[in-house]
Amino acid sequence: MISSKNTLSSQAQAETTALDLTPLIDIIFIVLVFLLLTANVPLLSLQVDIPAAANADLTPVVMEKQIAINVMPSSPQWAINGKDYDHWSEFEAAFNTEFASQPNANLIIAADKSAPIEPLMQLLNLLQQHEISQTQILMENTQ
């Protein structure tokens, strides 16, 4: 009898001194899920062959030709497609050759708001001489 009582008491003591790992495992799983959800994983994509319709015509992508003109606040005051020009005569000659090579190109004017008005007016006069009535003027929204 004494041995059976000692066995029960030693088992009861072992159960009371053992660690309960259930809350620790719960916390580890919560942290693991949080880390998996917040990790920046690159999205994987698969190549998919898309079936083509028999009557579908493919249209080519057309890149519209553009001439971008910049009016800057200090010297050089003009630029065409990123190339700067210090003098009006150089700019005018470059514009004439560019416009002659691309007469149907879209004309985009981007003037710095601190640029003087005279270079812009010279540019608008040049466009009027070439009878260019449609241009795109880039402006920043002030609202």
C-alpha atoms as a PDB file:
ATOM      1  CA  MET A   1       0.000   0.000   0.000  1.00  0.00           C
ATOM      2  CA  ILE A   2       2.735   2.355   0.766  1.00  0.00           C
ATOM      3  CA  SER A   3       4.235   1.765  -2.623  1.00  0.00           C
ATOM      4  CA  SER A   4       0.953   2.497  -4.379  1.00  0.00           C
ATOM      5  CA  LYS A   5       0.512   5.742  -2.495  1.00  0.00           C
ATOM      6  CA  ASN A   6       4.050   6.798  -3.343  1.00  0.00           C
ATOM      7  CA  THR A   7       3.442   6.021  -7.020  1.00  0.00           C
ATOM      8  CA  LEU A   8       0.320   8.124  -7.126  1.00  0.00           C
ATOM      9  CA  SER A   9       1.916  10.977  -5.317  1.00  0.00           C
ATOM     10  CA  SER A  10       4.982  10.931  -7.600  1.00  0.00           C
ATOM     11  CA  GLN A  11       2.701  10.959 -10.678  1.00  0.00           C
ATOM     12  CA  ALA A  12       0.688  13.825  -9.221  1.00  0.00           C
ATOM     13  CA  GLN A  13       3.898  15.683  -8.492  1.00  0.00           C
ATOM     14  CA  ALA A  14       5.156  15.104 -12.041  1.00  0.00           C
ATOM     15  CA  GLU A  15       1.896  16.426 -13.495  1.00  0.00           C
ATOM     16  CA  THR A  16       1.959  19.533 -11.371  1.00  0.00           C
ATOM     17  CA  THR A  17       5.612  20.347 -12.155  1.00  0.00           C
ATOM     18  CA  ALA A  18       5.351  19.743 -15.952  1.00  0.00           C
ATOM     19  CA  LEU A  19       5.186  22.782 -18.255  1.00  0.00           C
ATOM     20  CA  ASP A  20       2.005  23.410 -20.202  1.00  0.00           C
ATOM     21  CA  LEU A  21       3.241  24.162 -23.756  1.00  0.00           C
ATOM     22  CA  THR A  22      -0.187  24.852 -25.292  1.00  0.00           C
ATOM     23  CA  PRO A  23      -0.140  28.667 -24.798  1.00  0.00           C
ATOM     24  CA  LEU A  24       3.464  28.831 -26.069  1.00  0.00           C
ATOM     25  CA  ILE A  25       2.573  26.903 -29.221  1.00  0.00           C
ATOM     26  CA  ASP A  26      -0.473  29.153 -29.757  1.00  0.00           C
ATOM     27  CA  ILE A  27       1.712  32.262 -29.540  1.00  0.00           C
ATOM     28  CA  ILE A  28       4.277  30.777 -31.948  1.00  0.00           C
ATOM     29  CA  PHE A  29       1.563  29.987 -34.518  1.00  0.00           C
ATOM     30  CA  ILE A  30       0.088  33.498 -34.213  1.00  0.00           C
ATOM     31  CA  VAL A  31       3.536  35.073 -34.787  1.00  0.00           C
ATOM     32  CA  LEU A  32       4.191  32.703 -37.706  1.00  0.00           C
ATOM     33  CA  VAL A  33       0.885  33.623 -39.376  1.00  0.00           C
ATOM     34  CA  PHE A  34       1.605  37.334 -38.832  1.00  0.00           C
ATOM     35  CA  LEU A  35       5.051  37.032 -40.405  1.00  0.00           C
ATOM     36  CA  LEU A  36       3.709  35.058 -43.363  1.00  0.00           C
ATOM     37  CA  LEU A  37       0.998  37.628 -44.031  1.00  0.00           C
ATOM     38  CA  THR A  38       3.313  40.645 -43.786  1.00  0.00           C
ATOM     39  CA  ALA A  39       6.258  39.229 -45.747  1.00  0.00           C
ATOM     40  CA  ASN A  40       6.935  40.759 -49.161  1.00  0.00           C
ATOM     41  CA  VAL A  41       6.782  37.740 -51.375  1.00  0.00           C
ATOM     42  CA  PRO A  42       7.282  38.285 -55.107  1.00  0.00           C
ATOM     43  CA  LEU A  43       4.233  37.294 -57.069  1.00  0.00           C
ATOM     44  CA  LEU A  44       4.786  34.360 -59.330  1.00  0.00           C
ATOM     45  CA  SER A  45       3.194  34.264 -62.733  1.00  0.00           C
ATOM     46  CA  LEU A  46       2.693  31.493 -65.187  1.00  0.00           C
ATOM     47  CA  GLN A  47       2.947  31.706 -68.939  1.00  0.00           C
ATOM     48  CA  VAL A  48      -0.485  31.094 -70.379  1.00  0.00           C
ATOM     49  CA  ASP A  49      -1.225  30.412 -74.007  1.00  0.00           C
ATOM     50  CA  ILE A  50      -4.303  32.415 -74.885  1.00  0.00           C
ATOM     51  CA  PRO A  51      -6.389  31.039 -77.705  1.00  0.00           C
ATOM     52  CA  ALA A  52      -6.907  33.369 -80.626  1.00  0.00           C
ATOM     53  CA  ALA A  53     -10.219  33.812 -82.355  1.00  0.00           C
ATOM     54  CA  ALA A  54     -10.285  32.899 -86.011  1.00  0.00           C
ATOM     55  CA  ASN A  55     -11.708  36.239 -87.092  1.00  0.00           C
ATOM     56  CA  ALA A  56      -9.625  38.472 -84.790  1.00  0.00           C
ATOM     57  CA  ASP A  57      -7.275  40.858 -86.546  1.00  0.00           C
ATOM     58  CA  LEU A  58      -4.143  41.961 -84.779  1.00  0.00           C
ATOM     59  CA  THR A  59      -3.575  45.680 -84.732  1.00  0.00           C
ATOM     60  CA  PRO A  60      -0.021  46.936 -84.398  1.00  0.00           C
ATOM     61  CA  VAL A  61       0.897  49.231 -81.573  1.00  0.00           C
ATOM     62  CA  VAL A  62       1.532  52.684 -83.000  1.00  0.00           C
ATOM     63  CA  MET A  63       3.961  54.948 -81.216  1.00  0.00           C
ATOM     64  CA  GLU A  64       2.903  58.501 -81.904  1.00  0.00           C
ATOM     65  CA  LYS A  65       5.742  60.782 -82.904  1.00  0.00           C
ATOM     66  CA  GLN A  66       6.299  63.656 -80.517  1.00  0.00           C
ATOM     67  CA  ILE A  67       8.438  66.759 -80.398  1.00  0.00           C
ATOM     68  CA  ALA A  68       8.983  67.900 -76.813  1.00  0.00           C
ATOM     69  CA  ILE A  69      10.016  71.531 -76.358  1.00  0.00           C
ATOM     70  CA  ASN A  70      11.177  72.864 -72.986  1.00  0.00           C
ATOM     71  CA  VAL A  71      11.412  76.516 -71.979  1.00  0.00           C
ATOM     72  CA  MET A  72      13.771  76.876 -69.031  1.00  0.00           C
ATOM     73  CA  PRO A  73      14.325  79.738 -66.574  1.00  0.00           C
ATOM     74  CA  SER A  74      18.042  80.223 -67.253  1.00  0.00           C
ATOM     75  CA  SER A  75      20.507  79.672 -70.061  1.00  0.00           C
ATOM     76  CA  PRO A  76      20.080  77.443 -72.050  1.00  0.00           C
ATOM     77  CA  GLN A  77      16.499  78.611 -72.369  1.00  0.00           C
ATOM     78  CA  TRP A  78      15.224  76.121 -74.957  1.00  0.00           C
ATOM     79  CA  ALA A  79      15.456  72.386 -75.465  1.00  0.00           C
ATOM     80  CA  ILE A  80      14.071  70.026 -78.107  1.00  0.00           C
ATOM     81  CA  ASN A  81      13.697  66.389 -77.051  1.00  0.00           C
ATOM     82  CA  GLY A  82      16.206  66.923 -74.241  1.00  0.00           C
ATOM     83  CA  LYS A  83      18.897  68.723 -76.308  1.00  0.00           C
ATOM     84  CA  ASP A  84      19.642  72.215 -74.990  1.00  0.00           C
ATOM     85  CA  TYR A  85      20.096  75.319 -77.139  1.00  0.00           C
ATOM     86  CA  ASP A  86      21.648  78.563 -75.881  1.00  0.00           C
ATOM     87  CA  HIS A  87      20.835  80.823 -78.809  1.00  0.00           C
ATOM     88  CA  TRP A  88      17.520  81.407 -80.551  1.00  0.00           C
ATOM     89  CA  SER A  89      19.018  80.949 -84.020  1.00  0.00           C
ATOM     90  CA  GLU A  90      20.351  77.478 -83.088  1.00  0.00           C
ATOM     91  CA  PHE A  91      17.022  76.512 -81.564  1.00  0.00           C
ATOM     92  CA  GLU A  92      15.059  77.789 -84.572  1.00  0.00           C
ATOM     93  CA  ALA A  93      17.260  75.846 -87.015  1.00  0.00           C
ATOM     94  CA  ALA A  94      16.965  72.683 -84.930  1.00  0.00           C
ATOM     95  CA  PHE A  95      13.188  73.081 -84.685  1.00  0.00           C
ATOM     96  CA  ASN A  96      12.893  73.599 -88.441  1.00  0.00           C
ATOM     97  CA  THR A  97      14.834  70.402 -89.196  1.00  0.00           C
ATOM     98  CA  GLU A  98      12.937  68.426 -86.531  1.00  0.00           C
ATOM     99  CA  PHE A  99       9.567  69.667 -87.772  1.00  0.00           C
ATOM    100  CA  ALA A 100      10.522  69.017 -91.403  1.00  0.00           C
ATOM    101  CA  SER A 101      11.467  65.418 -90.552  1.00  0.00           C
ATOM    102  CA  GLN A 102       8.266  64.851 -88.506  1.00  0.00           C
ATOM    103  CA  PRO A 103       5.529  67.150 -89.825  1.00  0.00           C
ATOM    104  CA  ASN A 104       2.685  65.124 -88.256  1.00  0.00           C
ATOM    105  CA  ALA A 105       4.280  64.773 -84.830  1.00  0.00           C
ATOM    106  CA  ASN A 106       2.500  65.908 -81.683  1.00  0.00           C
ATOM    107  CA  LEU A 107       4.060  69.069 -80.309  1.00  0.00           C
ATOM    108  CA  ILE A 108       4.404  69.253 -76.515  1.00  0.00           C
ATOM    109  CA  ILE A 109       5.516  72.452 -74.790  1.00  0.00           C
ATOM    110  CA  ALA A 110       6.716  72.358 -71.179  1.00  0.00           C
ATOM    111  CA  ALA A 111       7.682  75.734 -69.764  1.00  0.00           C
ATOM    112  CA  ASP A 112       9.086  76.257 -66.300  1.00  0.00           C
ATOM    113  CA  LYS A 113       6.845  78.552 -64.259  1.00  0.00           C
ATOM    114  CA  SER A 114       9.820  80.716 -63.301  1.00  0.00           C
ATOM    115  CA  ALA A 115      10.983  81.024 -66.930  1.00  0.00           C
ATOM    116  CA  PRO A 116      10.790  84.495 -68.482  1.00  0.00           C
ATOM    117  CA  ILE A 117       7.892  85.123 -70.834  1.00  0.00           C
ATOM    118  CA  GLU A 118      10.035  86.280 -73.789  1.00  0.00           C
ATOM    119  CA  PRO A 119      11.403  82.820 -74.771  1.00  0.00           C
ATOM    120  CA  LEU A 120       7.880  81.390 -74.632  1.00  0.00           C
ATOM    121  CA  MET A 121       6.537  84.196 -76.798  1.00  0.00           C
ATOM    122  CA  GLN A 122       9.351  83.654 -79.327  1.00  0.00           C
ATOM    123  CA  LEU A 123       8.422  79.977 -79.424  1.00  0.00           C
ATOM    124  CA  LEU A 124       4.722  80.699 -79.919  1.00  0.00           C
ATOM    125  CA  ASN A 125       5.618  83.140 -82.713  1.00  0.00           C
ATOM    126  CA  LEU A 126       7.703  80.428 -84.401  1.00  0.00           C
ATOM    127  CA  LEU A 127       4.783  78.008 -84.174  1.00  0.00           C
ATOM    128  CA  GLN A 128       2.515  80.633 -85.696  1.00  0.00           C
ATOM    129  CA  GLN A 129       4.968  81.127 -88.576  1.00  0.00           C
ATOM    130  CA  HIS A 130       4.807  77.376 -89.273  1.00  0.00           C
ATOM    131  CA  GLU A 131       0.988  77.549 -89.010  1.00  0.00           C
ATOM    132  CA  ILE A 132       0.958  75.082 -86.130  1.00  0.00           C
ATOM    133  CA  SER A 133      -2.310  75.630 -84.347  1.00  0.00           C
ATOM    134  CA  GLN A 134      -2.531  72.552 -82.151  1.00  0.00           C
ATOM    135  CA  THR A 135      -0.017  71.956 -79.397  1.00  0.00           C
ATOM    136  CA  GLN A 136      -0.095  70.391 -75.980  1.00  0.00           C
ATOM    137  CA  ILE A 137       1.049  72.692 -73.188  1.00  0.00           C
ATOM    138  CA  LEU A 138       1.962  70.930 -69.950  1.00  0.00           C
ATOM    139  CA  MET A 139       0.734  72.660 -66.816  1.00  0.00           C
ATOM    140  CA  GLU A 140       0.831  71.746 -63.138  1.00  0.00           C
ATOM    141  CA  ASN A 141      -2.457  71.584 -61.277  1.00  0.00           C
ATOM    142  CA  THR A 142      -2.373  74.202 -58.503  1.00  0.00           C
ATOM    143  CA  GLN A 143      -5.271  72.827 -56.465  1.00  0.00           C
END
